[in-house]
PDB file of N, CA and C in Angstrom:
ATOM      1  N   MET A   1      99.392 131.979 115.432  1.00  0.00           N
ATOM      2  CA  MET A   1     101.284 130.696 114.954  1.00  0.00           C
ATOM      3  C   MET A   1     101.407 130.838 113.318  1.00  0.00           C
ATOM      4  N   ARG A   2     102.304 130.752 112.804  1.00  0.00           N
ATOM      5  CA  ARG A   2     102.369 130.588 111.521  1.00  0.00           C
ATOM      6  C   ARG A   2     103.077 129.135 111.386  1.00  0.00           C
ATOM      7  N   PRO A   3     102.508 128.382 110.247  1.00  0.00           N
ATOM      8  CA  PRO A   3     103.328 126.712 110.669  1.00  0.00           C
ATOM      9  C   PRO A   3     104.476 126.912 110.522  1.00  0.00           C
ATOM     10  N   LEU A   4     105.382 126.239 110.791  1.00  0.00           N
ATOM     11  CA  LEU A   4     106.805 126.246 110.332  1.00  0.00           C
ATOM     12  C   LEU A   4     107.195 125.468 108.684  1.00  0.00           C
ATOM     13  N   PRO A   5     107.846 125.857 108.562  1.00  0.00           N
ATOM     14  CA  PRO A   5     108.372 125.834 107.154  1.00  0.00           C
ATOM     15  C   PRO A   5     109.077 124.511 106.659  1.00  0.00           C
ATOM     16  N   ASN A   6     108.736 123.412 105.587  1.00  0.00           N
ATOM     17  CA  ASN A   6     109.123 122.404 105.397  1.00  0.00           C
ATOM     18  C   ASN A   6     110.587 122.564 105.426  1.00  0.00           C
ATOM     19  N   ALA A   7     111.388 122.014 106.108  1.00  0.00           N
ATOM     20  CA  ALA A   7     112.651 121.848 106.633  1.00  0.00           C
ATOM     21  C   ALA A   7     113.095 121.036 104.616  1.00  0.00           C
ATOM     22  N   GLY A   8     112.567 120.583 104.182  1.00  0.00           N
ATOM     23  CA  GLY A   8     112.716 120.091 102.780  1.00  0.00           C
ATOM     24  C   GLY A   8     113.439 118.468 103.155  1.00  0.00           C
ATOM     25  N   PHE A   9     112.422 118.264 103.951  1.00  0.00           N
ATOM     26  CA  PHE A   9     112.643 116.355 104.331  1.00  0.00           C
ATOM     27  C   PHE A   9     110.814 116.222 104.632  1.00  0.00           C
ATOM     28  N   PRO A  10     110.711 115.200 103.429  1.00  0.00           N
ATOM     29  CA  PRO A  10     110.677 114.732 102.467  1.00  0.00           C
ATOM     30  C   PRO A  10     110.770 115.661 101.450  1.00  0.00           C
ATOM     31  N   PRO A  11     111.859 115.661 100.283  1.00  0.00           N
ATOM     32  CA  PRO A  11     111.512 116.116  99.183  1.00  0.00           C
ATOM     33  C   PRO A  11     109.986 116.217  98.820  1.00  0.00           C
ATOM     34  N   GLU A  12     109.423 117.211  98.230  1.00  0.00           N
ATOM     35  CA  GLU A  12     107.872 116.776  97.512  1.00  0.00           C
ATOM     36  C   GLU A  12     107.637 116.327  96.327  1.00  0.00           C
ATOM     37  N   ASN A  13     108.892 116.210  95.953  1.00  0.00           N
ATOM     38  CA  ASN A  13     108.779 115.580  94.075  1.00  0.00           C
ATOM     39  C   ASN A  13     109.606 114.303  94.486  1.00  0.00           C
ATOM     40  N   MET A  14     109.370 113.424  95.448  1.00  0.00           N
ATOM     41  CA  MET A  14     109.691 112.113  95.379  1.00  0.00           C
ATOM     42  C   MET A  14     108.779 111.672  94.880  1.00  0.00           C
ATOM     43  N   ARG A  15     108.804 110.568  94.168  1.00  0.00           N
ATOM     44  CA  ARG A  15     107.370 109.242  93.965  1.00  0.00           C
ATOM     45  C   ARG A  15     108.549 108.208  94.315  1.00  0.00           C
ATOM     46  N   LEU A  16     108.170 107.542  95.096  1.00  0.00           N
ATOM     47  CA  LEU A  16     108.723 106.315  95.492  1.00  0.00           C
ATOM     48  C   LEU A  16     107.923 105.197  95.475  1.00  0.00           C
ATOM     49  N   ILE A  17     108.667 104.398  95.389  1.00  0.00           N
ATOM     50  CA  ILE A  17     108.424 102.235  95.196  1.00  0.00           C
ATOM     51  C   ILE A  17     109.191 101.779  96.166  1.00  0.00           C
ATOM     52  N   LEU A  18     108.454 101.033  96.460  1.00  0.00           N
ATOM     53  CA  LEU A  18     108.932  99.667  97.764  1.00  0.00           C
ATOM     54  C   LEU A  18     108.812  98.714  96.958  1.00  0.00           C
ATOM     55  N   PHE A  19     109.621  98.067  96.110  1.00  0.00           N
ATOM     56  CA  PHE A  19     109.921  96.963  95.413  1.00  0.00           C
ATOM     57  C   PHE A  19     110.168  95.642  96.815  1.00  0.00           C
ATOM     58  N   GLN A  20     109.016  94.656  96.557  1.00  0.00           N
ATOM     59  CA  GLN A  20     109.051  93.621  98.359  1.00  0.00           C
ATOM     60  C   GLN A  20     108.196  92.306  97.493  1.00  0.00           C
ATOM     61  N   ARG A  21     108.467  91.056  98.197  1.00  0.00           N
ATOM     62  CA  ARG A  21     107.559  89.673  97.688  1.00  0.00           C
ATOM     63  C   ARG A  21     106.376  89.724  98.975  1.00  0.00           C
ATOM     64  N   ASP A  22     105.905  88.819  98.954  1.00  0.00           N
ATOM     65  CA  ASP A  22     105.057  88.275  99.664  1.00  0.00           C
ATOM     66  C   ASP A  22     105.696  87.703 100.909  1.00  0.00           C
ATOM     67  N   ASP A  23     105.204  87.686 102.072  1.00  0.00           N
ATOM     68  CA  ASP A  23     105.497  86.487 103.107  1.00  0.00           C
ATOM     69  C   ASP A  23     107.274  86.969 103.048  1.00  0.00           C
ATOM     70  N   CYS A  24     107.031  88.005 103.315  1.00  0.00           N
ATOM     71  CA  CYS A  24     109.024  88.726 103.612  1.00  0.00           C
ATOM     72  C   CYS A  24     109.404  89.475 104.462  1.00  0.00           C
ATOM     73  N   HIS A  25     109.937  88.890 105.325  1.00  0.00           N
ATOM     74  CA  HIS A  25     110.258  89.459 107.057  1.00  0.00           C
ATOM     75  C   HIS A  25     110.983  90.543 106.281  1.00  0.00           C
ATOM     76  N   LEU A  26     111.866  90.454 105.860  1.00  0.00           N
ATOM     77  CA  LEU A  26     112.721  91.422 105.548  1.00  0.00           C
ATOM     78  C   LEU A  26     111.855  92.674 105.110  1.00  0.00           C
ATOM     79  N   CYS A  27     111.213  92.692 104.079  1.00  0.00           N
ATOM     80  CA  CYS A  27     110.050  93.441 103.514  1.00  0.00           C
ATOM     81  C   CYS A  27     109.396  94.199 105.044  1.00  0.00           C
ATOM     82  N   ASP A  28     108.837  93.522 105.590  1.00  0.00           N
ATOM     83  CA  ASP A  28     107.981  93.427 106.856  1.00  0.00           C
ATOM     84  C   ASP A  28     109.112  94.596 107.447  1.00  0.00           C
ATOM     85  N   LEU A  29     110.161  94.624 107.744  1.00  0.00           N
ATOM     86  CA  LEU A  29     111.138  94.936 108.904  1.00  0.00           C
ATOM     87  C   LEU A  29     111.712  96.707 107.801  1.00  0.00           C
ATOM     88  N   ALA A  30     111.829  96.672 106.537  1.00  0.00           N
ATOM     89  CA  ALA A  30     111.543  97.714 106.143  1.00  0.00           C
ATOM     90  C   ALA A  30     110.095  98.464 106.022  1.00  0.00           C
ATOM     91  N   LEU A  31     109.443  98.506 105.920  1.00  0.00           N
ATOM     92  CA  LEU A  31     107.771  98.708 106.010  1.00  0.00           C
ATOM     93  C   LEU A  31     107.830  99.732 107.375  1.00  0.00           C
ATOM     94  N   GLY A  32     108.201  98.785 108.360  1.00  0.00           N
ATOM     95  CA  GLY A  32     108.266  99.242 109.829  1.00  0.00           C
ATOM     96  C   GLY A  32     109.377 100.653 109.857  1.00  0.00           C
ATOM     97  N   LEU A  33     110.655 100.715 109.578  1.00  0.00           N
ATOM     98  CA  LEU A  33     111.380 101.701 108.921  1.00  0.00           C
ATOM     99  C   LEU A  33     110.768 103.324 108.582  1.00  0.00           C
ATOM    100  N   LEU A  34     110.314 102.591 107.163  1.00  0.00           N
ATOM    101  CA  LEU A  34     109.340 103.846 106.519  1.00  0.00           C
ATOM    102  C   LEU A  34     108.245 104.798 107.293  1.00  0.00           C
ATOM    103  N   ALA A  35     107.498 103.441 108.247  1.00  0.00           N
ATOM    104  CA  ALA A  35     107.066 104.728 109.163  1.00  0.00           C
ATOM    105  C   ALA A  35     107.201 105.270 110.693  1.00  0.00           C
ATOM    106  N   GLN A  36     108.372 104.732 110.773  1.00  0.00           N
ATOM    107  CA  GLN A  36     109.627 105.031 111.589  1.00  0.00           C
ATOM    108  C   GLN A  36     109.605 106.571 111.331  1.00  0.00           C
ATOM    109  N   VAL A  37     110.025 106.560 109.865  1.00  0.00           N
ATOM    110  CA  VAL A  37     110.907 107.971 109.454  1.00  0.00           C
ATOM    111  C   VAL A  37     110.069 108.894 108.761  1.00  0.00           C
ATOM    112  N   ARG A  38     108.702 108.408 109.290  1.00  0.00           N
ATOM    113  CA  ARG A  38     107.801 108.847 108.461  1.00  0.00           C
ATOM    114  C   ARG A  38     107.989 109.342 106.758  1.00  0.00           C
ATOM    115  N   ALA A  39     108.261 108.169 106.415  1.00  0.00           N
ATOM    116  CA  ALA A  39     108.610 108.773 105.154  1.00  0.00           C
ATOM    117  C   ALA A  39     107.247 109.282 104.086  1.00  0.00           C
ATOM    118  N   PRO A  40     107.419 109.302 103.071  1.00  0.00           N
ATOM    119  CA  PRO A  40     106.133 110.011 102.568  1.00  0.00           C
ATOM    120  C   PRO A  40     105.538 108.902 101.843  1.00  0.00           C
ATOM    121  N   GLU A  41     104.680 109.387 101.315  1.00  0.00           N
ATOM    122  CA  GLU A  41     103.642 108.068 100.181  1.00  0.00           C
ATOM    123  C   GLU A  41     104.214 107.695  99.793  1.00  0.00           C
ATOM    124  N   PHE A  42     104.240 106.058  99.098  1.00  0.00           N
ATOM    125  CA  PHE A  42     104.997 105.016  98.505  1.00  0.00           C
ATOM    126  C   PHE A  42     104.288 104.074  98.078  1.00  0.00           C
ATOM    127  N   GLU A  43     104.356 103.715  96.997  1.00  0.00           N
ATOM    128  CA  GLU A  43     103.825 102.571  96.135  1.00  0.00           C
ATOM    129  C   GLU A  43     104.510 101.500  96.298  1.00  0.00           C
ATOM    130  N   SER A  44     103.802 100.395  97.135  1.00  0.00           N
ATOM    131  CA  SER A  44     104.026  99.453  96.596  1.00  0.00           C
ATOM    132  C   SER A  44     103.963  98.257  95.845  1.00  0.00           C
ATOM    133  N   VAL A  45     105.283  97.286  95.211  1.00  0.00           N
ATOM    134  CA  VAL A  45     104.991  96.688  94.053  1.00  0.00           C
ATOM    135  C   VAL A  45     105.744  95.043  94.383  1.00  0.00           C
ATOM    136  N   PHE A  46     104.781  94.331  94.395  1.00  0.00           N
ATOM    137  CA  PHE A  46     105.099  92.877  94.381  1.00  0.00           C
ATOM    138  C   PHE A  46     105.572  92.416  93.184  1.00  0.00           C
ATOM    139  N   ILE A  47     106.809  91.984  93.319  1.00  0.00           N
ATOM    140  CA  ILE A  47     107.585  91.132  91.924  1.00  0.00           C
ATOM    141  C   ILE A  47     107.697  89.916  91.833  1.00  0.00           C
ATOM    142  N   ASP A  48     106.634  88.989  92.921  1.00  0.00           N
ATOM    143  CA  ASP A  48     106.433  87.688  92.491  1.00  0.00           C
ATOM    144  C   ASP A  48     105.519  87.460  91.560  1.00  0.00           C
ATOM    145  N   GLY A  49     106.022  86.237  90.693  1.00  0.00           N
ATOM    146  CA  GLY A  49     105.463  86.333  89.554  1.00  0.00           C
ATOM    147  C   GLY A  49     105.881  87.228  87.931  1.00  0.00           C
ATOM    148  N   ASP A  50     106.425  88.129  88.448  1.00  0.00           N
ATOM    149  CA  ASP A  50     107.258  88.933  87.214  1.00  0.00           C
ATOM    150  C   ASP A  50     108.538  88.763  86.486  1.00  0.00           C
ATOM    151  N   ASP A  51     108.730  88.047  86.014  1.00  0.00           N
ATOM    152  CA  ASP A  51     110.103  87.376  85.080  1.00  0.00           C
ATOM    153  C   ASP A  51     111.286  88.744  85.167  1.00  0.00           C
ATOM    154  N   VAL A  52     110.261  90.189  85.173  1.00  0.00           N
ATOM    155  CA  VAL A  52     111.201  91.379  84.695  1.00  0.00           C
ATOM    156  C   VAL A  52     111.602  91.532  85.901  1.00  0.00           C
ATOM    157  N   LEU A  53     110.880  91.883  86.831  1.00  0.00           N
ATOM    158  CA  LEU A  53     111.319  92.707  88.266  1.00  0.00           C
ATOM    159  C   LEU A  53     111.769  91.275  89.124  1.00  0.00           C
ATOM    160  N   GLU A  54     111.187  90.139  89.097  1.00  0.00           N
ATOM    161  CA  GLU A  54     112.435  89.123  89.762  1.00  0.00           C
ATOM    162  C   GLU A  54     113.951  89.236  88.775  1.00  0.00           C
ATOM    163  N   ALA A  55     114.079  89.330  87.803  1.00  0.00           N
ATOM    164  CA  ALA A  55     115.239  88.982  87.169  1.00  0.00           C
ATOM    165  C   ALA A  55     116.072  90.772  87.822  1.00  0.00           C
ATOM    166  N   ARG A  56     115.325  91.682  88.320  1.00  0.00           N
ATOM    167  CA  ARG A  56     116.072  93.021  88.640  1.00  0.00           C
ATOM    168  C   ARG A  56     116.353  93.092  90.062  1.00  0.00           C
ATOM    169  N   TYR A  57     115.239  92.311  90.925  1.00  0.00           N
ATOM    170  CA  TYR A  57     115.139  92.359  92.229  1.00  0.00           C
ATOM    171  C   TYR A  57     114.744  91.396  93.236  1.00  0.00           C
ATOM    172  N   GLY A  58     115.037  90.301  92.712  1.00  0.00           N
ATOM    173  CA  GLY A  58     114.863  88.862  92.997  1.00  0.00           C
ATOM    174  C   GLY A  58     115.642  89.126  94.302  1.00  0.00           C
ATOM    175  N   GLU A  59     116.870  89.161  94.203  1.00  0.00           N
ATOM    176  CA  GLU A  59     118.124  88.904  95.414  1.00  0.00           C
ATOM    177  C   GLU A  59     117.814  89.994  96.296  1.00  0.00           C
ATOM    178  N   ARG A  60     117.392  91.297  96.151  1.00  0.00           N
ATOM    179  CA  ARG A  60     117.799  92.303  96.181  1.00  0.00           C
ATOM    180  C   ARG A  60     116.428  92.815  97.675  1.00  0.00           C
ATOM    181  N   VAL A  61     115.600  92.092  97.289  1.00  0.00           N
ATOM    182  CA  VAL A  61     114.099  93.436  97.964  1.00  0.00           C
ATOM    183  C   VAL A  61     114.619  93.068  99.808  1.00  0.00           C
ATOM    184  N   PRO A  62     113.978  93.939 100.219  1.00  0.00           N
ATOM    185  CA  PRO A  62     112.997  95.367  99.795  1.00  0.00           C
ATOM    186  C   PRO A  62     114.207  95.786  99.051  1.00  0.00           C
ATOM    187  N   VAL A  63     113.622  96.718  98.347  1.00  0.00           N
ATOM    188  CA  VAL A  63     114.419  97.959  97.537  1.00  0.00           C
ATOM    189  C   VAL A  63     113.488  99.102  97.489  1.00  0.00           C
ATOM    190  N   LEU A  64     113.829 100.106  97.992  1.00  0.00           N
ATOM    191  CA  LEU A  64     113.204 101.391  97.671  1.00  0.00           C
ATOM    192  C   LEU A  64     113.851 102.217  96.661  1.00  0.00           C
ATOM    193  N   ARG A  65     112.765 102.579  95.843  1.00  0.00           N
ATOM    194  CA  ARG A  65     113.308 103.452  94.401  1.00  0.00           C
ATOM    195  C   ARG A  65     112.336 104.500  94.501  1.00  0.00           C
ATOM    196  N   ASP A  66     113.359 105.818  93.912  1.00  0.00           N
ATOM    197  CA  ASP A  66     112.864 106.910  93.962  1.00  0.00           C
ATOM    198  C   ASP A  66     112.564 107.307  92.040  1.00  0.00           C
ATOM    199  N   GLU A  67     111.859 106.868  91.683  1.00  0.00           N
ATOM    200  CA  GLU A  67     111.136 107.334  90.662  1.00  0.00           C
ATOM    201  C   GLU A  67     112.135 108.876  89.630  1.00  0.00           C
ATOM    202  N   GLU A  68     111.570 110.018  90.536  1.00  0.00           N
ATOM    203  CA  GLU A  68     112.041 111.462  89.970  1.00  0.00           C
ATOM    204  C   GLU A  68     113.952 110.914  89.420  1.00  0.00           C
ATOM    205  N   ASP A  69     114.478 110.370  89.980  1.00  0.00           N
ATOM    206  CA  ASP A  69     115.692 110.142  89.956  1.00  0.00           C
ATOM    207  C   ASP A  69     116.414 108.890  89.604  1.00  0.00           C
ATOM    208  N   GLY A  70     116.063 107.929  89.701  1.00  0.00           N
ATOM    209  CA  GLY A  70     116.739 106.617  89.584  1.00  0.00           C
ATOM    210  C   GLY A  70     117.194 105.724  90.921  1.00  0.00           C
ATOM    211  N   ARG A  71     117.475 106.893  91.966  1.00  0.00           N
ATOM    212  CA  ARG A  71     118.033 106.275  92.920  1.00  0.00           C
ATOM    213  C   ARG A  71     117.290 105.251  93.558  1.00  0.00           C
ATOM    214  N   GLU A  72     118.186 104.068  94.180  1.00  0.00           N
ATOM    215  CA  GLU A  72     117.597 102.910  94.491  1.00  0.00           C
ATOM    216  C   GLU A  72     118.253 102.704  95.835  1.00  0.00           C
ATOM    217  N   LEU A  73     117.666 101.811  97.072  1.00  0.00           N
ATOM    218  CA  LEU A  73     118.302 101.795  98.131  1.00  0.00           C
ATOM    219  C   LEU A  73     117.868 100.678  98.566  1.00  0.00           C
ATOM    220  N   ASP A  74     119.058  99.778  98.859  1.00  0.00           N
ATOM    221  CA  ASP A  74     118.796  98.066  99.090  1.00  0.00           C
ATOM    222  C   ASP A  74     118.726  98.065 100.503  1.00  0.00           C
ATOM    223  N   TRP A  75     118.131  96.689 100.692  1.00  0.00           N
ATOM    224  CA  TRP A  75     118.473  96.283 102.050  1.00  0.00           C
ATOM    225  C   TRP A  75     119.544  95.622 102.268  1.00  0.00           C
ATOM    226  N   PRO A  76     120.521  95.593 103.450  1.00  0.00           N
ATOM    227  CA  PRO A  76     119.943  96.357 104.519  1.00  0.00           C
ATOM    228  C   PRO A  76     120.261  97.919 104.724  1.00  0.00           C
ATOM    229  N   PHE A  77     119.207  98.373 105.367  1.00  0.00           N
ATOM    230  CA  PHE A  77     119.287  99.837 105.482  1.00  0.00           C
ATOM    231  C   PHE A  77     118.786 100.362 106.955  1.00  0.00           C
ATOM    232  N   ASP A  78     119.492 101.182 107.786  1.00  0.00           N
ATOM    233  CA  ASP A  78     118.386 101.402 109.156  1.00  0.00           C
ATOM    234  C   ASP A  78     117.962 102.734 108.876  1.00  0.00           C
ATOM    235  N   ALA A  79     117.111 103.024 110.167  1.00  0.00           N
ATOM    236  CA  ALA A  79     116.696 104.495 110.072  1.00  0.00           C
ATOM    237  C   ALA A  79     117.577 105.950 109.761  1.00  0.00           C
ATOM    238  N   ALA A  80     118.491 105.622 110.179  1.00  0.00           N
ATOM    239  CA  ALA A  80     119.398 106.687 109.853  1.00  0.00           C
ATOM    240  C   ALA A  80     119.624 107.044 108.213  1.00  0.00           C
ATOM    241  N   GLN A  81     120.136 105.550 108.060  1.00  0.00           N
ATOM    242  CA  GLN A  81     120.521 105.742 106.779  1.00  0.00           C
ATOM    243  C   GLN A  81     119.165 105.532 105.528  1.00  0.00           C
ATOM    244  N   LEU A  82     117.970 105.600 106.274  1.00  0.00           N
ATOM    245  CA  LEU A  82     117.067 105.822 104.940  1.00  0.00           C
ATOM    246  C   LEU A  82     116.479 107.281 105.420  1.00  0.00           C
ATOM    247  N   ARG A  83     116.786 108.064 106.399  1.00  0.00           N
ATOM    248  CA  ARG A  83     116.793 109.617 106.248  1.00  0.00           C
ATOM    249  C   ARG A  83     117.575 110.305 105.640  1.00  0.00           C
ATOM    250  N   ASP A  84     118.929 109.654 105.968  1.00  0.00           N
ATOM    251  CA  ASP A  84     119.553 110.117 104.906  1.00  0.00           C
ATOM    252  C   ASP A  84     119.176 110.161 103.370  1.00  0.00           C
ATOM    253  N   TRP A  85     118.904 109.054 102.762  1.00  0.00           N
ATOM    254  CA  TRP A  85     118.631 108.602 101.571  1.00  0.00           C
ATOM    255  C   TRP A  85     117.385 109.394 101.291  1.00  0.00           C
ATOM    256  N   LEU A  86     116.216 109.975 101.899  1.00  0.00           N
ATOM    257  CA  LEU A  86     115.112 110.720 101.844  1.00  0.00           C
ATOM    258  C   LEU A  86     115.589 111.947 101.389  1.00  0.00           C
ATOM    259  N   GLY A  87     116.622 112.171 102.331  1.00  0.00           N
ATOM    260  CA  GLY A  87     117.029 113.788 101.824  1.00  0.00           C
ATOM    261  C   GLY A  87     116.153 114.740 102.728  1.00  0.00           C
TER     262      GLY A  87
END
């Protein structure tokens, strides 16, 4: 039996970063959704204590960013929105 071809989800060239905070309930929810939709591997970056990241993402976390094209997905998002964003 031949393996099924990749249907393009998720795109192989995605380099994802999840910007989050320590002790963040919403970040925990986002992590659960990423697991639920079987998102590709991603890097977790904690913004706590980083003045530049705090200024950019402080009120927006969790934020998922695709480093390849610069797109960002701000919370709140659900599984359907996350799947659509991932492509």
